[in-house]
Amino acid sequence: MFRTSIVKASRPFSARLFTSSARVMAGGDAGSGASRPGGSRSGDAFTKREAAAEEMYIKQEERAKLLAIREKLRQQQQHIEELTRHIDEVTKQEGGQGENQP
């Protein structure tokens, strides 16, 4: 009995208790798709779903940017129309020749 307790006491602790670095996944690990002949496009379902979600996010961001540009263009066109009306009013009041007058 004494011998078994000495053997247990002399064993080093598990190396897992003293690890100081986290496990890092490499490019060829499961799910990455890099080890397959077709690359990430022929990956597993998770890889395909992740790629599809990323593409959908990019499309949504581009759509939001285009809608913002369209709204700004609409505002600019409205401003130009207001300026044109103002110029026509000023030229009519002065008795000068406007764009619509012969």
PDB file of N, CA and C in Angstrom:
ATOM      1  N   MET A   1       0.820  -1.181   0.000  1.00  0.00           N
ATOM      2  CA  MET A   1       0.000   0.000   0.000  1.00  0.00           C
ATOM      3  C   MET A   1       0.868   1.250   0.000  1.00  0.00           C
ATOM      4  N   PHE A   2       1.895   1.226   0.781  1.00  0.00           N
ATOM      5  CA  PHE A   2       2.813   2.359   0.840  1.00  0.00           C
ATOM      6  C   PHE A   2       3.473   2.596  -0.507  1.00  0.00           C
ATOM      7  N   ARG A   3       3.808   1.502  -1.178  1.00  0.00           N
ATOM      8  CA  ARG A   3       4.462   1.599  -2.477  1.00  0.00           C
ATOM      9  C   ARG A   3       3.545   2.244  -3.513  1.00  0.00           C
ATOM     10  N   THR A   4       2.292   1.879  -3.558  1.00  0.00           N
ATOM     11  CA  THR A   4       1.372   2.467  -4.538  1.00  0.00           C
ATOM     12  C   THR A   4       1.154   3.949  -4.277  1.00  0.00           C
ATOM     13  N   SER A   5       1.162   4.362  -3.034  1.00  0.00           N
ATOM     14  CA  SER A   5       0.978   5.783  -2.756  1.00  0.00           C
ATOM     15  C   SER A   5       2.202   6.587  -3.163  1.00  0.00           C
ATOM     16  N   ILE A   6       3.394   5.984  -3.049  1.00  0.00           N
ATOM     17  CA  ILE A   6       4.619   6.666  -3.494  1.00  0.00           C
ATOM     18  C   ILE A   6       4.625   6.791  -5.010  1.00  0.00           C
ATOM     19  N   VAL A   7       4.205   5.751  -5.708  1.00  0.00           N
ATOM     20  CA  VAL A   7       4.172   5.776  -7.162  1.00  0.00           C
ATOM     21  C   VAL A   7       3.183   6.841  -7.634  1.00  0.00           C
ATOM     22  N   LYS A   8       2.012   6.906  -7.023  1.00  0.00           N
ATOM     23  CA  LYS A   8       1.022   7.911  -7.403  1.00  0.00           C
ATOM     24  C   LYS A   8       1.518   9.316  -7.113  1.00  0.00           C
ATOM     25  N   ALA A   9       2.196   9.493  -6.021  1.00  0.00           N
ATOM     26  CA  ALA A   9       2.695  10.814  -5.644  1.00  0.00           C
ATOM     27  C   ALA A   9       3.840  11.255  -6.544  1.00  0.00           C
ATOM     28  N   SER A  10       4.601  10.300  -7.052  1.00  0.00           N
ATOM     29  CA  SER A  10       5.744  10.664  -7.882  1.00  0.00           C
ATOM     30  C   SER A  10       5.378  10.895  -9.343  1.00  0.00           C
ATOM     31  N   ARG A  11       4.177  10.517  -9.742  1.00  0.00           N
ATOM     32  CA  ARG A  11       3.754  10.748 -11.121  1.00  0.00           C
ATOM     33  C   ARG A  11       3.555  12.248 -11.351  1.00  0.00           C
ATOM     34  N   PRO A  12       3.988  12.720 -12.519  1.00  0.00           N
ATOM     35  CA  PRO A  12       3.749  14.146 -12.802  1.00  0.00           C
ATOM     36  C   PRO A  12       2.268  14.374 -13.096  1.00  0.00           C
ATOM     37  N   PHE A  13       1.823  15.600 -12.845  1.00  0.00           N
ATOM     38  CA  PHE A  13       0.439  15.938 -13.158  1.00  0.00           C
ATOM     39  C   PHE A  13       0.245  15.916 -14.668  1.00  0.00           C
ATOM     40  N   SER A  14      -0.966  15.806 -15.057  1.00  0.00           N
ATOM     41  CA  SER A  14      -1.276  15.768 -16.476  1.00  0.00           C
ATOM     42  C   SER A  14      -0.801  17.058 -17.142  1.00  0.00           C
ATOM     43  N   ALA A  15      -0.268  16.926 -18.335  1.00  0.00           N
ATOM     44  CA  ALA A  15       0.229  18.087 -19.075  1.00  0.00           C
ATOM     45  C   ALA A  15      -0.900  19.034 -19.448  1.00  0.00           C
ATOM     46  N   ARG A  16      -2.117  18.528 -19.493  1.00  0.00           N
ATOM     47  CA  ARG A  16      -3.256  19.377 -19.843  1.00  0.00           C
ATOM     48  C   ARG A  16      -3.516  20.436 -18.774  1.00  0.00           C
ATOM     49  N   LEU A  17      -3.164  20.147 -17.541  1.00  0.00           N
ATOM     50  CA  LEU A  17      -3.407  21.115 -16.480  1.00  0.00           C
ATOM     51  C   LEU A  17      -2.478  22.321 -16.598  1.00  0.00           C
ATOM     52  N   PHE A  18      -1.344  22.135 -17.211  1.00  0.00           N
ATOM     53  CA  PHE A  18      -0.344  23.194 -17.262  1.00  0.00           C
ATOM     54  C   PHE A  18      -0.195  23.830 -18.646  1.00  0.00           C
ATOM     55  N   THR A  19      -1.091  23.541 -19.557  1.00  0.00           N
ATOM     56  CA  THR A  19      -0.969  24.150 -20.870  1.00  0.00           C
ATOM     57  C   THR A  19      -1.297  25.631 -20.783  1.00  0.00           C
ATOM     58  N   SER A  20      -0.546  26.410 -21.521  1.00  0.00           N
ATOM     59  CA  SER A  20      -0.765  27.857 -21.475  1.00  0.00           C
ATOM     60  C   SER A  20      -1.277  28.411 -22.800  1.00  0.00           C
ATOM     61  N   SER A  21      -1.399  27.580 -23.801  1.00  0.00           N
ATOM     62  CA  SER A  21      -1.868  28.066 -25.094  1.00  0.00           C
ATOM     63  C   SER A  21      -3.197  27.411 -25.437  1.00  0.00           C
ATOM     64  N   ALA A  22      -4.024  28.158 -26.120  1.00  0.00           N
ATOM     65  CA  ALA A  22      -5.317  27.643 -26.547  1.00  0.00           C
ATOM     66  C   ALA A  22      -5.144  26.834 -27.825  1.00  0.00           C
ATOM     67  N   ARG A  23      -6.054  25.938 -28.036  1.00  0.00           N
ATOM     68  CA  ARG A  23      -6.004  25.135 -29.251  1.00  0.00           C
ATOM     69  C   ARG A  23      -6.437  26.003 -30.422  1.00  0.00           C
ATOM     70  N   VAL A  24      -5.665  25.979 -31.479  1.00  0.00           N
ATOM     71  CA  VAL A  24      -5.948  26.799 -32.652  1.00  0.00           C
ATOM     72  C   VAL A  24      -6.220  25.876 -33.823  1.00  0.00           C
ATOM     73  N   MET A  25      -7.279  26.174 -34.558  1.00  0.00           N
ATOM     74  CA  MET A  25      -7.628  25.360 -35.713  1.00  0.00           C
ATOM     75  C   MET A  25      -6.797  25.809 -36.917  1.00  0.00           C
ATOM     76  N   ALA A  26      -6.267  24.863 -37.618  1.00  0.00           N
ATOM     77  CA  ALA A  26      -5.452  25.159 -38.798  1.00  0.00           C
ATOM     78  C   ALA A  26      -6.326  25.127 -40.042  1.00  0.00           C
ATOM     79  N   GLY A  27      -5.759  25.536 -41.146  1.00  0.00           N
ATOM     80  CA  GLY A  27      -6.505  25.608 -42.400  1.00  0.00           C
ATOM     81  C   GLY A  27      -6.985  24.267 -42.900  1.00  0.00           C
ATOM     82  N   GLY A  28      -6.343  23.193 -42.560  1.00  0.00           N
ATOM     83  CA  GLY A  28      -6.717  21.883 -43.057  1.00  0.00           C
ATOM     84  C   GLY A  28      -7.562  21.080 -42.099  1.00  0.00           C
ATOM     85  N   ASP A  29      -8.032  21.706 -41.010  1.00  0.00           N
ATOM     86  CA  ASP A  29      -8.835  20.989 -40.032  1.00  0.00           C
ATOM     87  C   ASP A  29     -10.221  20.685 -40.570  1.00  0.00           C
ATOM     88  N   ALA A  30     -10.926  19.830 -39.858  1.00  0.00           N
ATOM     89  CA  ALA A  30     -12.266  19.427 -40.273  1.00  0.00           C
ATOM     90  C   ALA A  30     -13.162  20.653 -40.392  1.00  0.00           C
ATOM     91  N   GLY A  31     -13.921  20.716 -41.466  1.00  0.00           N
ATOM     92  CA  GLY A  31     -14.847  21.802 -41.674  1.00  0.00           C
ATOM     93  C   GLY A  31     -14.294  22.960 -42.475  1.00  0.00           C
ATOM     94  N   SER A  32     -12.983  23.012 -42.658  1.00  0.00           N
ATOM     95  CA  SER A  32     -12.417  24.148 -43.382  1.00  0.00           C
ATOM     96  C   SER A  32     -12.592  24.016 -44.886  1.00  0.00           C
ATOM     97  N   GLY A  33     -12.617  22.793 -45.386  1.00  0.00           N
ATOM     98  CA  GLY A  33     -12.801  22.588 -46.812  1.00  0.00           C
ATOM     99  C   GLY A  33     -11.527  22.768 -47.610  1.00  0.00           C
ATOM    100  N   ALA A  34     -10.442  23.173 -46.940  1.00  0.00           N
ATOM    101  CA  ALA A  34      -9.199  23.421 -47.657  1.00  0.00           C
ATOM    102  C   ALA A  34      -8.543  22.132 -48.129  1.00  0.00           C
ATOM    103  N   SER A  35      -8.814  21.030 -47.444  1.00  0.00           N
ATOM    104  CA  SER A  35      -8.168  19.775 -47.811  1.00  0.00           C
ATOM    105  C   SER A  35      -8.900  19.049 -48.939  1.00  0.00           C
ATOM    106  N   ARG A  36     -10.044  19.555 -49.344  1.00  0.00           N
ATOM    107  CA  ARG A  36     -10.807  18.905 -50.408  1.00  0.00           C
ATOM    108  C   ARG A  36     -10.333  19.398 -51.775  1.00  0.00           C
ATOM    109  N   PRO A  37     -10.537  18.588 -52.810  1.00  0.00           N
ATOM    110  CA  PRO A  37     -10.074  18.984 -54.141  1.00  0.00           C
ATOM    111  C   PRO A  37     -10.698  20.280 -54.650  1.00  0.00           C
ATOM    112  N   GLY A  38     -11.955  20.540 -54.296  1.00  0.00           N
ATOM    113  CA  GLY A  38     -12.629  21.745 -54.766  1.00  0.00           C
ATOM    114  C   GLY A  38     -12.440  22.938 -53.856  1.00  0.00           C
ATOM    115  N   GLY A  39     -11.699  22.784 -52.788  1.00  0.00           N
ATOM    116  CA  GLY A  39     -11.484  23.886 -51.854  1.00  0.00           C
ATOM    117  C   GLY A  39     -12.694  24.115 -50.979  1.00  0.00           C
ATOM    118  N   SER A  40     -12.871  25.349 -50.535  1.00  0.00           N
ATOM    119  CA  SER A  40     -13.946  25.646 -49.589  1.00  0.00           C
ATOM    120  C   SER A  40     -15.321  25.526 -50.230  1.00  0.00           C
ATOM    121  N   ARG A  41     -15.417  25.618 -51.549  1.00  0.00           N
ATOM    122  CA  ARG A  41     -16.714  25.496 -52.212  1.00  0.00           C
ATOM    123  C   ARG A  41     -17.278  24.083 -52.093  1.00  0.00           C
ATOM    124  N   SER A  42     -16.416  23.094 -51.967  1.00  0.00           N
ATOM    125  CA  SER A  42     -16.903  21.725 -51.857  1.00  0.00           C
ATOM    126  C   SER A  42     -16.835  21.240 -50.418  1.00  0.00           C
ATOM    127  N   GLY A  43     -16.870  22.154 -49.462  1.00  0.00           N
ATOM    128  CA  GLY A  43     -16.776  21.805 -48.051  1.00  0.00           C
ATOM    129  C   GLY A  43     -18.039  21.150 -47.546  1.00  0.00           C
ATOM    130  N   ASP A  44     -18.059  20.937 -46.264  1.00  0.00           N
ATOM    131  CA  ASP A  44     -19.227  20.309 -45.663  1.00  0.00           C
ATOM    132  C   ASP A  44     -20.382  21.301 -45.582  1.00  0.00           C
ATOM    133  N   ALA A  45     -21.491  20.864 -45.028  1.00  0.00           N
ATOM    134  CA  ALA A  45     -22.698  21.690 -44.992  1.00  0.00           C
ATOM    135  C   ALA A  45     -22.473  22.970 -44.194  1.00  0.00           C
ATOM    136  N   PHE A  46     -21.723  22.886 -43.103  1.00  0.00           N
ATOM    137  CA  PHE A  46     -21.465  24.082 -42.298  1.00  0.00           C
ATOM    138  C   PHE A  46     -20.686  25.117 -43.092  1.00  0.00           C
ATOM    139  N   THR A  47     -19.679  24.678 -43.830  1.00  0.00           N
ATOM    140  CA  THR A  47     -18.866  25.599 -44.624  1.00  0.00           C
ATOM    141  C   THR A  47     -19.712  26.259 -45.710  1.00  0.00           C
ATOM    142  N   LYS A  48     -20.555  25.467 -46.370  1.00  0.00           N
ATOM    143  CA  LYS A  48     -21.415  26.023 -47.411  1.00  0.00           C
ATOM    144  C   LYS A  48     -22.415  27.009 -46.826  1.00  0.00           C
ATOM    145  N   ARG A  49     -22.969  26.678 -45.680  1.00  0.00           N
ATOM    146  CA  ARG A  49     -23.940  27.572 -45.041  1.00  0.00           C
ATOM    147  C   ARG A  49     -23.272  28.874 -44.611  1.00  0.00           C
ATOM    148  N   GLU A  50     -22.080  28.774 -44.083  1.00  0.00           N
ATOM    149  CA  GLU A  50     -21.342  29.968 -43.668  1.00  0.00           C
ATOM    150  C   GLU A  50     -21.035  30.862 -44.867  1.00  0.00           C
ATOM    151  N   ALA A  51     -20.617  30.273 -45.968  1.00  0.00           N
ATOM    152  CA  ALA A  51     -20.323  31.047 -47.179  1.00  0.00           C
ATOM    153  C   ALA A  51     -21.586  31.710 -47.714  1.00  0.00           C
ATOM    154  N   ALA A  52     -22.699  30.983 -47.683  1.00  0.00           N
ATOM    155  CA  ALA A  52     -23.965  31.551 -48.165  1.00  0.00           C
ATOM    156  C   ALA A  52     -24.413  32.705 -47.280  1.00  0.00           C
ATOM    157  N   ALA A  53     -24.247  32.561 -45.968  1.00  0.00           N
ATOM    158  CA  ALA A  53     -24.640  33.630 -45.044  1.00  0.00           C
ATOM    159  C   ALA A  53     -23.773  34.870 -45.258  1.00  0.00           C
ATOM    160  N   GLU A  54     -22.497  34.657 -45.516  1.00  0.00           N
ATOM    161  CA  GLU A  54     -21.597  35.787 -45.755  1.00  0.00           C
ATOM    162  C   GLU A  54     -21.965  36.516 -47.053  1.00  0.00           C
ATOM    163  N   GLU A  55     -22.267  35.761 -48.085  1.00  0.00           N
ATOM    164  CA  GLU A  55     -22.664  36.377 -49.359  1.00  0.00           C
ATOM    165  C   GLU A  55     -23.974  37.139 -49.208  1.00  0.00           C
ATOM    166  N   MET A  56     -24.908  36.587 -48.432  1.00  0.00           N
ATOM    167  CA  MET A  56     -26.186  37.261 -48.218  1.00  0.00           C
ATOM    168  C   MET A  56     -25.978  38.567 -47.445  1.00  0.00           C
ATOM    169  N   TYR A  57     -25.101  38.551 -46.455  1.00  0.00           N
ATOM    170  CA  TYR A  57     -24.807  39.765 -45.690  1.00  0.00           C
ATOM    171  C   TYR A  57     -24.206  40.842 -46.599  1.00  0.00           C
ATOM    172  N   ILE A  58     -23.283  40.438 -47.461  1.00  0.00           N
ATOM    173  CA  ILE A  58     -22.651  41.402 -48.372  1.00  0.00           C
ATOM    174  C   ILE A  58     -23.690  41.999 -49.316  1.00  0.00           C
ATOM    175  N   LYS A  59     -24.582  41.163 -49.842  1.00  0.00           N
ATOM    176  CA  LYS A  59     -25.630  41.663 -50.741  1.00  0.00           C
ATOM    177  C   LYS A  59     -26.556  42.635 -50.022  1.00  0.00           C
ATOM    178  N   GLN A  60     -26.897  42.341 -48.764  1.00  0.00           N
ATOM    179  CA  GLN A  60     -27.757  43.240 -47.999  1.00  0.00           C
ATOM    180  C   GLN A  60     -27.075  44.580 -47.759  1.00  0.00           C
ATOM    181  N   GLU A  61     -25.774  44.553 -47.456  1.00  0.00           N
ATOM    182  CA  GLU A  61     -25.040  45.796 -47.239  1.00  0.00           C
ATOM    183  C   GLU A  61     -24.964  46.620 -48.530  1.00  0.00           C
ATOM    184  N   GLU A  62     -24.698  45.954 -49.656  1.00  0.00           N
ATOM    185  CA  GLU A  62     -24.639  46.662 -50.932  1.00  0.00           C
ATOM    186  C   GLU A  62     -26.004  47.254 -51.287  1.00  0.00           C
ATOM    187  N   ARG A  63     -27.070  46.508 -51.013  1.00  0.00           N
ATOM    188  CA  ARG A  63     -28.422  47.007 -51.289  1.00  0.00           C
ATOM    189  C   ARG A  63     -28.715  48.245 -50.436  1.00  0.00           C
ATOM    190  N   ALA A  64     -28.330  48.205 -49.175  1.00  0.00           N
ATOM    191  CA  ALA A  64     -28.564  49.356 -48.296  1.00  0.00           C
ATOM    192  C   ALA A  64     -27.794  50.576 -48.796  1.00  0.00           C
ATOM    193  N   LYS A  65     -26.564  50.363 -49.260  1.00  0.00           N
ATOM    194  CA  LYS A  65     -25.778  51.477 -49.793  1.00  0.00           C
ATOM    195  C   LYS A  65     -26.412  52.049 -51.058  1.00  0.00           C
ATOM    196  N   LEU A  66     -26.884  51.180 -51.936  1.00  0.00           N
ATOM    197  CA  LEU A  66     -27.527  51.640 -53.164  1.00  0.00           C
ATOM    198  C   LEU A  66     -28.816  52.403 -52.868  1.00  0.00           C
ATOM    199  N   LEU A  67     -29.587  51.939 -51.898  1.00  0.00           N
ATOM    200  CA  LEU A  67     -30.809  52.654 -51.525  1.00  0.00           C
ATOM    201  C   LEU A  67     -30.486  54.029 -50.955  1.00  0.00           C
ATOM    202  N   ALA A  68     -29.408  54.123 -50.177  1.00  0.00           N
ATOM    203  CA  ALA A  68     -28.995  55.413 -49.625  1.00  0.00           C
ATOM    204  C   ALA A  68     -28.563  56.360 -50.747  1.00  0.00           C
ATOM    205  N   ILE A  69     -27.835  55.834 -51.730  1.00  0.00           N
ATOM    206  CA  ILE A  69     -27.407  56.650 -52.869  1.00  0.00           C
ATOM    207  C   ILE A  69     -28.619  57.105 -53.671  1.00  0.00           C
ATOM    208  N   ARG A  70     -29.589  56.211 -53.876  1.00  0.00           N
ATOM    209  CA  ARG A  70     -30.796  56.564 -54.618  1.00  0.00           C
ATOM    210  C   ARG A  70     -31.568  57.673 -53.900  1.00  0.00           C
ATOM    211  N   GLU A  71     -31.671  57.586 -52.587  1.00  0.00           N
ATOM    212  CA  GLU A  71     -32.365  58.617 -51.812  1.00  0.00           C
ATOM    213  C   GLU A  71     -31.636  59.950 -51.901  1.00  0.00           C
ATOM    214  N   LYS A  72     -30.323  59.926 -51.837  1.00  0.00           N
ATOM    215  CA  LYS A  72     -29.550  61.158 -51.950  1.00  0.00           C
ATOM    216  C   LYS A  72     -29.717  61.770 -53.345  1.00  0.00           C
ATOM    217  N   LEU A  73     -29.723  60.936 -54.377  1.00  0.00           N
ATOM    218  CA  LEU A  73     -29.947  61.419 -55.742  1.00  0.00           C
ATOM    219  C   LEU A  73     -31.329  62.069 -55.869  1.00  0.00           C
ATOM    220  N   ARG A  74     -32.349  61.443 -55.260  1.00  0.00           N
ATOM    221  CA  ARG A  74     -33.696  62.011 -55.293  1.00  0.00           C
ATOM    222  C   ARG A  74     -33.719  63.378 -54.620  1.00  0.00           C
ATOM    223  N   GLN A  75     -33.027  63.503 -53.488  1.00  0.00           N
ATOM    224  CA  GLN A  75     -32.967  64.788 -52.793  1.00  0.00           C
ATOM    225  C   GLN A  75     -32.261  65.849 -53.638  1.00  0.00           C
ATOM    226  N   GLN A  76     -31.193  65.458 -54.310  1.00  0.00           N
ATOM    227  CA  GLN A  76     -30.457  66.395 -55.158  1.00  0.00           C
ATOM    228  C   GLN A  76     -31.315  66.856 -56.340  1.00  0.00           C
ATOM    229  N   GLN A  77     -32.048  65.926 -56.944  1.00  0.00           N
ATOM    230  CA  GLN A  77     -32.927  66.294 -58.055  1.00  0.00           C
ATOM    231  C   GLN A  77     -34.029  67.242 -57.588  1.00  0.00           C
ATOM    232  N   GLN A  78     -34.567  66.995 -56.410  1.00  0.00           N
ATOM    233  CA  GLN A  78     -35.589  67.880 -55.863  1.00  0.00           C
ATOM    234  C   GLN A  78     -35.006  69.266 -55.609  1.00  0.00           C
ATOM    235  N   HIS A  79     -33.795  69.340 -55.113  1.00  0.00           N
ATOM    236  CA  HIS A  79     -33.137  70.624 -54.866  1.00  0.00           C
ATOM    237  C   HIS A  79     -32.907  71.382 -56.178  1.00  0.00           C
ATOM    238  N   ILE A  80     -32.500  70.669 -57.209  1.00  0.00           N
ATOM    239  CA  ILE A  80     -32.281  71.305 -58.521  1.00  0.00           C
ATOM    240  C   ILE A  80     -33.598  71.858 -59.059  1.00  0.00           C
ATOM    241  N   GLU A  81     -34.683  71.109 -58.916  1.00  0.00           N
ATOM    242  CA  GLU A  81     -35.989  71.599 -59.368  1.00  0.00           C
ATOM    243  C   GLU A  81     -36.402  72.854 -58.601  1.00  0.00           C
ATOM    244  N   GLU A  82     -36.146  72.877 -57.289  1.00  0.00           N
ATOM    245  CA  GLU A  82     -36.465  74.067 -56.492  1.00  0.00           C
ATOM    246  C   GLU A  82     -35.643  75.269 -56.954  1.00  0.00           C
ATOM    247  N   LEU A  83     -34.365  75.047 -57.225  1.00  0.00           N
ATOM    248  CA  LEU A  83     -33.514  76.140 -57.711  1.00  0.00           C
ATOM    249  C   LEU A  83     -33.986  76.639 -59.076  1.00  0.00           C
ATOM    250  N   THR A  84     -34.385  75.740 -59.954  1.00  0.00           N
ATOM    251  CA  THR A  84     -34.874  76.127 -61.280  1.00  0.00           C
ATOM    252  C   THR A  84     -36.142  76.968 -61.151  1.00  0.00           C
ATOM    253  N   ARG A  85     -37.063  76.546 -60.267  1.00  0.00           N
ATOM    254  CA  ARG A  85     -38.281  77.327 -60.053  1.00  0.00           C
ATOM    255  C   ARG A  85     -37.960  78.706 -59.479  1.00  0.00           C
ATOM    256  N   HIS A  86     -37.017  78.750 -58.574  1.00  0.00           N
ATOM    257  CA  HIS A  86     -36.625  80.029 -57.979  1.00  0.00           C
ATOM    258  C   HIS A  86     -36.017  80.963 -59.034  1.00  0.00           C
ATOM    259  N   ILE A  87     -35.163  80.424 -59.896  1.00  0.00           N
ATOM    260  CA  ILE A  87     -34.558  81.233 -60.958  1.00  0.00           C
ATOM    261  C   ILE A  87     -35.635  81.757 -61.895  1.00  0.00           C
ATOM    262  N   ASP A  88     -36.608  80.887 -62.242  1.00  0.00           N
ATOM    263  CA  ASP A  88     -37.705  81.329 -63.113  1.00  0.00           C
ATOM    264  C   ASP A  88     -38.513  82.441 -62.457  1.00  0.00           C
ATOM    265  N   GLU A  89     -38.787  82.328 -61.162  1.00  0.00           N
ATOM    266  CA  GLU A  89     -39.551  83.357 -60.455  1.00  0.00           C
ATOM    267  C   GLU A  89     -38.800  84.686 -60.420  1.00  0.00           C
ATOM    268  N   VAL A  90     -37.494  84.614 -60.155  1.00  0.00           N
ATOM    269  CA  VAL A  90     -36.690  85.839 -60.079  1.00  0.00           C
ATOM    270  C   VAL A  90     -36.631  86.517 -61.435  1.00  0.00           C
ATOM    271  N   THR A  91     -36.450  85.763 -62.498  1.00  0.00           N
ATOM    272  CA  THR A  91     -36.361  86.370 -63.829  1.00  0.00           C
ATOM    273  C   THR A  91     -37.706  86.926 -64.282  1.00  0.00           C
ATOM    274  N   LYS A  92     -38.819  86.314 -63.863  1.00  0.00           N
ATOM    275  CA  LYS A  92     -40.140  86.841 -64.217  1.00  0.00           C
ATOM    276  C   LYS A  92     -40.412  88.156 -63.477  1.00  0.00           C
ATOM    277  N   GLN A  93     -39.989  88.196 -62.198  1.00  0.00           N
ATOM    278  CA  GLN A  93     -40.216  89.408 -61.410  1.00  0.00           C
ATOM    279  C   GLN A  93     -39.414  90.588 -61.956  1.00  0.00           C
ATOM    280  N   GLU A  94     -38.245  90.329 -62.475  1.00  0.00           N
ATOM    281  CA  GLU A  94     -37.399  91.401 -62.991  1.00  0.00           C
ATOM    282  C   GLU A  94     -37.826  91.832 -64.376  1.00  0.00           C
ATOM    283  N   GLY A  95     -38.705  91.086 -64.999  1.00  0.00           N
ATOM    284  CA  GLY A  95     -39.162  91.440 -66.327  1.00  0.00           C
ATOM    285  C   GLY A  95     -38.199  90.970 -67.412  1.00  0.00           C
ATOM    286  N   GLY A  96     -37.226  90.170 -67.019  1.00  0.00           N
ATOM    287  CA  GLY A  96     -36.245  89.649 -67.982  1.00  0.00           C
ATOM    288  C   GLY A  96     -36.810  88.444 -68.706  1.00  0.00           C
ATOM    289  N   GLN A  97     -35.986  87.860 -69.511  1.00  0.00           N
ATOM    290  CA  GLN A  97     -36.423  86.714 -70.280  1.00  0.00           C
ATOM    291  C   GLN A  97     -36.009  85.455 -69.526  1.00  0.00           C
ATOM    292  N   GLY A  98     -36.994  84.643 -69.166  1.00  0.00           N
ATOM    293  CA  GLY A  98     -36.730  83.359 -68.520  1.00  0.00           C
ATOM    294  C   GLY A  98     -36.591  82.262 -69.542  1.00  0.00           C
ATOM    295  N   GLU A  99     -36.440  81.083 -69.086  1.00  0.00           N
ATOM    296  CA  GLU A  99     -36.289  79.949 -70.013  1.00  0.00           C
ATOM    297  C   GLU A  99     -37.588  79.667 -70.751  1.00  0.00           C
ATOM    298  N   ASN A 100     -38.715  79.875 -70.086  1.00  0.00           N
ATOM    299  CA  ASN A 100     -40.007  79.522 -70.678  1.00  0.00           C
ATOM    300  C   ASN A 100     -40.591  80.652 -71.522  1.00  0.00           C
ATOM    301  N   GLN A 101     -39.997  81.810 -71.484  1.00  0.00           N
ATOM    302  CA  GLN A 101     -40.515  82.934 -72.249  1.00  0.00           C
ATOM    303  C   GLN A 101     -39.796  83.056 -73.585  1.00  0.00           C
ATOM    304  N   PRO A 102     -40.531  83.513 -74.647  1.00  0.00           N
ATOM    305  CA  PRO A 102     -39.893  83.656 -75.960  1.00  0.00           C
ATOM    306  C   PRO A 102     -38.983  84.838 -76.056  1.00  0.00           C
TER     307      PRO A 102
END
